[in-house]
N, C-alpha and C. Protein backbone atom coordinates (compact mmCIF):
# COMPACT_ATOMS: atom_id res chain seq x y z
N UNK A 1 106.20 72.33 86.22
CA UNK A 1 107.30 72.21 87.17
C UNK A 1 107.98 73.56 87.33
N UNK A 2 108.79 73.70 88.38
CA UNK A 2 109.50 74.96 88.60
C UNK A 2 110.45 75.27 87.45
N UNK A 3 111.10 74.25 86.90
CA UNK A 3 112.04 74.49 85.81
C UNK A 3 111.31 74.99 84.55
N UNK A 4 110.11 74.48 84.29
CA UNK A 4 109.34 74.95 83.14
C UNK A 4 108.89 76.39 83.33
N UNK A 5 108.46 76.71 84.54
CA UNK A 5 108.06 78.09 84.85
C UNK A 5 109.25 79.02 84.70
N UNK A 6 110.39 78.62 85.25
CA UNK A 6 111.60 79.44 85.17
C UNK A 6 112.00 79.67 83.71
N UNK A 7 111.95 78.62 82.89
CA UNK A 7 112.30 78.75 81.48
C UNK A 7 111.35 79.73 80.78
N UNK A 8 110.06 79.62 81.06
CA UNK A 8 109.08 80.52 80.45
C UNK A 8 109.33 81.97 80.86
N UNK A 9 109.66 82.18 82.13
CA UNK A 9 109.96 83.54 82.62
C UNK A 9 111.19 84.10 81.90
N UNK A 10 112.23 83.28 81.77
CA UNK A 10 113.45 83.72 81.08
C UNK A 10 113.14 84.04 79.62
N UNK A 11 112.38 83.16 78.96
CA UNK A 11 112.03 83.40 77.55
C UNK A 11 111.23 84.69 77.38
N UNK A 12 110.23 84.90 78.23
CA UNK A 12 109.42 86.12 78.14
C UNK A 12 110.25 87.36 78.47
N UNK A 13 111.14 87.25 79.46
CA UNK A 13 112.01 88.36 79.82
C UNK A 13 112.93 88.75 78.67
N UNK A 14 113.48 87.76 78.00
CA UNK A 14 114.35 88.01 76.85
C UNK A 14 113.57 88.69 75.73
N UNK A 15 112.37 88.18 75.45
CA UNK A 15 111.53 88.80 74.42
C UNK A 15 111.19 90.24 74.79
N UNK A 16 110.89 90.48 76.07
CA UNK A 16 110.54 91.84 76.51
C UNK A 16 111.72 92.79 76.31
N UNK A 17 112.92 92.35 76.68
CA UNK A 17 114.11 93.20 76.53
C UNK A 17 114.39 93.52 75.07
N UNK A 18 114.03 92.59 74.19
CA UNK A 18 114.28 92.77 72.76
C UNK A 18 113.06 93.31 72.01
N UNK A 19 112.05 93.78 72.76
CA UNK A 19 110.81 94.31 72.16
C UNK A 19 110.19 93.32 71.17
N UNK A 20 110.13 92.05 71.56
CA UNK A 20 109.61 91.02 70.67
C UNK A 20 108.39 90.29 71.23
N UNK A 21 107.77 90.83 72.27
CA UNK A 21 106.57 90.20 72.82
C UNK A 21 105.40 90.39 71.87
N UNK A 22 104.62 89.34 71.71
CA UNK A 22 103.42 89.43 70.87
C UNK A 22 102.26 89.96 71.72
N UNK A 23 101.21 90.40 71.05
CA UNK A 23 100.00 90.87 71.74
C UNK A 23 99.45 89.77 72.64
N UNK A 24 99.42 88.53 72.13
CA UNK A 24 98.91 87.41 72.93
C UNK A 24 99.71 87.21 74.22
N UNK A 25 101.02 87.46 74.15
CA UNK A 25 101.87 87.28 75.34
C UNK A 25 101.68 88.41 76.35
N UNK A 26 101.09 89.50 75.93
CA UNK A 26 100.85 90.63 76.83
C UNK A 26 99.47 90.59 77.46
N UNK A 27 98.62 89.66 77.04
CA UNK A 27 97.25 89.60 77.53
C UNK A 27 97.04 88.40 78.43
N UNK A 28 95.96 88.47 79.22
CA UNK A 28 95.54 87.31 80.00
C UNK A 28 96.15 87.19 81.38
N UNK A 29 96.91 88.19 81.80
CA UNK A 29 97.52 88.13 83.13
C UNK A 29 96.47 88.28 84.22
N UNK A 30 96.72 87.67 85.37
CA UNK A 30 95.81 87.80 86.51
C UNK A 30 96.49 88.46 87.70
N UNK A 31 97.84 88.54 87.67
CA UNK A 31 98.59 89.06 88.80
C UNK A 31 99.93 89.56 88.29
N UNK A 32 100.40 90.69 88.84
CA UNK A 32 101.68 91.26 88.44
C UNK A 32 102.64 91.26 89.62
N UNK A 33 103.91 91.01 89.34
CA UNK A 33 104.97 91.23 90.32
C UNK A 33 105.87 92.30 89.72
N UNK A 34 106.05 93.38 90.47
CA UNK A 34 106.89 94.47 90.00
C UNK A 34 108.06 94.65 90.96
N UNK A 35 109.24 94.95 90.41
CA UNK A 35 110.44 95.05 91.22
C UNK A 35 111.07 96.43 91.07
N UNK A 36 110.57 97.37 91.85
CA UNK A 36 111.15 98.70 91.87
C UNK A 36 112.48 98.74 92.59
N UNK A 37 112.80 97.68 93.32
CA UNK A 37 114.05 97.62 94.07
C UNK A 37 115.28 97.72 93.20
N UNK A 38 115.19 97.25 91.95
CA UNK A 38 116.36 97.34 91.08
C UNK A 38 116.71 98.78 90.74
N UNK A 39 115.76 99.69 90.97
CA UNK A 39 116.00 101.11 90.74
C UNK A 39 116.22 101.86 92.06
N UNK A 40 116.30 101.12 93.17
CA UNK A 40 116.54 101.74 94.47
C UNK A 40 115.29 102.10 95.24
N UNK A 41 114.11 101.75 94.74
CA UNK A 41 112.86 102.07 95.42
C UNK A 41 112.80 101.40 96.78
N UNK A 42 112.42 102.15 97.78
CA UNK A 42 112.30 101.61 99.14
C UNK A 42 110.87 101.21 99.46
N UNK A 43 109.89 101.91 98.90
CA UNK A 43 108.50 101.60 99.18
C UNK A 43 107.62 102.34 98.18
N UNK A 44 106.58 101.68 97.74
CA UNK A 44 105.61 102.32 96.85
C UNK A 44 104.29 101.59 97.01
N UNK A 45 103.27 102.12 96.40
CA UNK A 45 101.98 101.45 96.36
C UNK A 45 101.70 101.10 94.91
N UNK A 46 101.93 99.84 94.52
CA UNK A 46 101.71 99.49 93.12
C UNK A 46 100.24 99.56 92.74
N UNK A 47 99.99 99.95 91.51
CA UNK A 47 98.63 100.10 90.99
C UNK A 47 98.26 98.84 90.19
N UNK A 48 97.07 98.32 90.43
CA UNK A 48 96.59 97.11 89.76
C UNK A 48 96.36 97.39 88.27
N UNK A 49 96.79 96.44 87.44
CA UNK A 49 96.51 96.50 86.00
C UNK A 49 95.18 95.80 85.73
N UNK A 50 94.09 96.53 85.47
CA UNK A 50 92.81 95.86 85.20
C UNK A 50 92.94 94.94 83.98
N UNK A 51 92.33 93.81 83.95
CA UNK A 51 91.39 93.25 84.92
C UNK A 51 92.06 92.35 85.96
N UNK A 52 93.35 92.55 86.21
CA UNK A 52 94.05 91.69 87.16
C UNK A 52 93.52 91.86 88.57
N UNK A 53 93.80 90.86 89.41
CA UNK A 53 93.28 90.87 90.78
C UNK A 53 94.25 91.49 91.78
N UNK A 54 95.53 91.61 91.42
CA UNK A 54 96.48 92.17 92.37
C UNK A 54 97.85 92.40 91.77
N UNK A 55 98.69 93.07 92.56
CA UNK A 55 100.07 93.34 92.17
C UNK A 55 100.92 93.34 93.44
N UNK A 56 102.07 92.68 93.36
CA UNK A 56 103.02 92.62 94.46
C UNK A 56 104.22 93.47 94.10
N UNK A 57 104.49 94.49 94.91
CA UNK A 57 105.66 95.34 94.71
C UNK A 57 106.78 94.89 95.61
N UNK A 58 107.95 94.65 95.01
CA UNK A 58 109.14 94.25 95.77
C UNK A 58 110.13 95.39 95.68
N UNK A 59 110.81 95.67 96.78
CA UNK A 59 111.64 96.86 96.84
C UNK A 59 113.08 96.54 97.20
N UNK A 60 113.88 97.58 97.29
CA UNK A 60 115.31 97.48 97.54
C UNK A 60 115.61 96.76 98.86
N UNK A 61 116.64 95.93 98.86
CA UNK A 61 117.11 95.28 100.09
C UNK A 61 118.20 96.17 100.68
N UNK A 62 118.02 96.56 101.94
CA UNK A 62 119.00 97.41 102.63
C UNK A 62 119.30 96.82 104.00
N UNK A 63 120.43 97.19 104.55
CA UNK A 63 120.80 96.77 105.89
C UNK A 63 120.14 97.71 106.91
N UNK A 64 119.48 97.13 107.91
CA UNK A 64 118.79 97.92 108.94
C UNK A 64 119.06 97.31 110.30
N UNK A 65 119.00 98.17 111.31
CA UNK A 65 119.10 97.69 112.69
C UNK A 65 117.74 97.13 113.09
N UNK A 66 117.73 95.90 113.57
CA UNK A 66 116.50 95.25 114.04
C UNK A 66 116.78 94.60 115.39
N UNK A 67 115.73 94.39 116.16
CA UNK A 67 115.87 93.75 117.46
C UNK A 67 115.60 92.26 117.30
N UNK A 68 116.59 91.44 117.65
CA UNK A 68 116.50 89.98 117.61
C UNK A 68 116.83 89.46 119.01
N UNK A 69 115.87 88.80 119.64
CA UNK A 69 116.07 88.27 120.99
C UNK A 69 116.61 89.33 121.96
N UNK A 70 116.05 90.53 121.88
CA UNK A 70 116.43 91.60 122.79
C UNK A 70 117.73 92.29 122.46
N UNK A 71 118.37 91.95 121.35
CA UNK A 71 119.63 92.57 120.95
C UNK A 71 119.46 93.24 119.59
N UNK A 72 120.17 94.36 119.43
CA UNK A 72 120.14 95.06 118.15
C UNK A 72 121.15 94.41 117.22
N UNK A 73 120.66 94.01 116.04
CA UNK A 73 121.52 93.40 115.03
C UNK A 73 121.25 94.04 113.69
N UNK A 74 122.24 93.99 112.82
CA UNK A 74 122.08 94.50 111.47
C UNK A 74 121.65 93.34 110.58
N UNK A 75 120.54 93.53 109.88
CA UNK A 75 119.97 92.48 109.03
C UNK A 75 119.49 93.08 107.71
N UNK A 76 119.45 92.27 106.66
CA UNK A 76 118.86 92.77 105.40
C UNK A 76 117.34 92.89 105.56
N UNK A 77 116.80 93.97 105.05
CA UNK A 77 115.36 94.23 105.13
C UNK A 77 114.87 94.64 103.74
N UNK A 78 113.72 94.10 103.36
CA UNK A 78 113.09 94.48 102.10
C UNK A 78 111.60 94.68 102.36
N UNK A 79 111.07 95.79 101.88
CA UNK A 79 109.64 96.04 102.01
C UNK A 79 108.90 95.42 100.83
N UNK A 80 107.75 94.84 101.12
CA UNK A 80 106.83 94.31 100.11
C UNK A 80 105.54 95.11 100.20
N UNK A 81 104.91 95.35 99.07
CA UNK A 81 103.62 96.03 99.06
C UNK A 81 102.66 95.25 98.17
N UNK A 82 101.52 94.88 98.73
CA UNK A 82 100.52 94.13 97.98
C UNK A 82 99.28 94.99 97.80
N UNK A 83 98.93 95.24 96.55
CA UNK A 83 97.67 95.91 96.23
C UNK A 83 96.77 94.86 95.60
N UNK A 84 95.50 94.86 95.99
CA UNK A 84 94.58 93.85 95.45
C UNK A 84 93.18 94.41 95.37
N UNK A 85 92.41 93.81 94.49
CA UNK A 85 91.02 94.22 94.28
C UNK A 85 90.16 93.51 95.33
N UNK A 86 89.67 94.25 96.29
CA UNK A 86 88.93 93.68 97.41
C UNK A 86 87.58 93.09 96.98
N UNK A 87 87.15 93.41 95.77
CA UNK A 87 85.92 92.80 95.25
C UNK A 87 86.17 91.34 94.87
N UNK A 88 87.43 91.01 94.59
CA UNK A 88 87.80 89.67 94.15
C UNK A 88 88.53 88.90 95.24
N UNK A 89 89.39 89.59 95.98
CA UNK A 89 90.27 88.96 96.95
C UNK A 89 89.90 89.39 98.36
N UNK A 90 89.68 88.43 99.25
CA UNK A 90 89.40 88.71 100.65
C UNK A 90 90.68 89.17 101.35
N UNK A 91 90.57 90.14 102.23
CA UNK A 91 91.72 90.68 102.93
C UNK A 91 92.51 89.64 103.70
N UNK A 92 91.82 88.71 104.34
CA UNK A 92 92.52 87.66 105.10
C UNK A 92 93.39 86.81 104.17
N UNK A 93 92.85 86.47 103.00
CA UNK A 93 93.61 85.67 102.04
C UNK A 93 94.80 86.45 101.50
N UNK A 94 94.62 87.74 101.26
CA UNK A 94 95.70 88.58 100.75
C UNK A 94 96.83 88.66 101.77
N UNK A 95 96.49 88.88 103.03
CA UNK A 95 97.52 88.97 104.07
C UNK A 95 98.20 87.63 104.26
N UNK A 96 97.45 86.54 104.20
CA UNK A 96 98.04 85.20 104.31
C UNK A 96 99.04 84.96 103.18
N UNK A 97 98.69 85.39 101.97
CA UNK A 97 99.61 85.27 100.83
C UNK A 97 100.88 86.07 101.08
N UNK A 98 100.73 87.32 101.55
CA UNK A 98 101.88 88.18 101.80
C UNK A 98 102.79 87.59 102.87
N UNK A 99 102.21 87.04 103.93
CA UNK A 99 103.00 86.40 104.99
C UNK A 99 103.75 85.21 104.42
N UNK A 100 103.11 84.43 103.56
CA UNK A 100 103.76 83.26 102.95
C UNK A 100 104.93 83.70 102.07
N UNK A 101 104.75 84.75 101.28
CA UNK A 101 105.85 85.27 100.46
C UNK A 101 107.01 85.68 101.36
N UNK A 102 106.71 86.37 102.45
CA UNK A 102 107.74 86.80 103.41
C UNK A 102 108.50 85.59 103.96
N UNK A 103 107.77 84.57 104.36
CA UNK A 103 108.41 83.37 104.92
C UNK A 103 109.33 82.70 103.90
N UNK A 104 108.88 82.63 102.66
CA UNK A 104 109.70 81.99 101.62
C UNK A 104 110.93 82.83 101.30
N UNK A 105 110.79 84.15 101.28
CA UNK A 105 111.95 85.01 101.03
C UNK A 105 112.96 84.90 102.17
N UNK A 106 112.47 84.79 103.39
CA UNK A 106 113.37 84.66 104.55
C UNK A 106 114.08 83.31 104.57
N UNK A 107 113.42 82.26 104.08
CA UNK A 107 114.00 80.92 104.07
C UNK A 107 113.48 80.18 102.84
N UNK A 108 114.16 80.31 101.69
CA UNK A 108 113.69 79.71 100.44
C UNK A 108 113.52 78.18 100.50
N UNK A 109 114.15 77.52 101.45
CA UNK A 109 113.97 76.07 101.57
C UNK A 109 112.51 75.72 101.83
N UNK A 110 111.76 76.66 102.43
CA UNK A 110 110.34 76.42 102.70
C UNK A 110 109.56 76.12 101.42
N UNK A 111 109.96 76.73 100.32
CA UNK A 111 109.28 76.52 99.05
C UNK A 111 109.38 75.07 98.60
N UNK A 112 110.54 74.50 98.77
CA UNK A 112 110.78 73.14 98.28
C UNK A 112 110.39 72.08 99.29
N UNK A 113 110.38 72.45 100.56
CA UNK A 113 110.05 71.48 101.61
C UNK A 113 108.60 71.58 102.05
N UNK A 114 107.85 72.51 101.47
CA UNK A 114 106.44 72.72 101.81
C UNK A 114 106.24 72.98 103.30
N UNK A 115 107.11 73.80 103.87
CA UNK A 115 107.01 74.15 105.30
C UNK A 115 106.11 75.35 105.49
């Protein structure tokens, strides 16, 4: 469930901050999410941790002028960068995943309503 996943993430995050992660907890990953945005990063190209299949880089949220229905409006903007091993992941599937992440970030209700 989402609550179990959230609890596990919090537990692992706490262990990481306290330098208490075991070797077993550091192995077996298939995908990384990195957040350079907390350090002010606007854009980067994350490098895959072998043998993982991909890494999603999330960056700083800033206010930008964007065109909405022909009018300029100020909106929050965040760049995402997805690096993936093309031997394992098809480009169409990778882009579909990235679009889905974008949609959920723009409207988190989509995650719970399966929209």
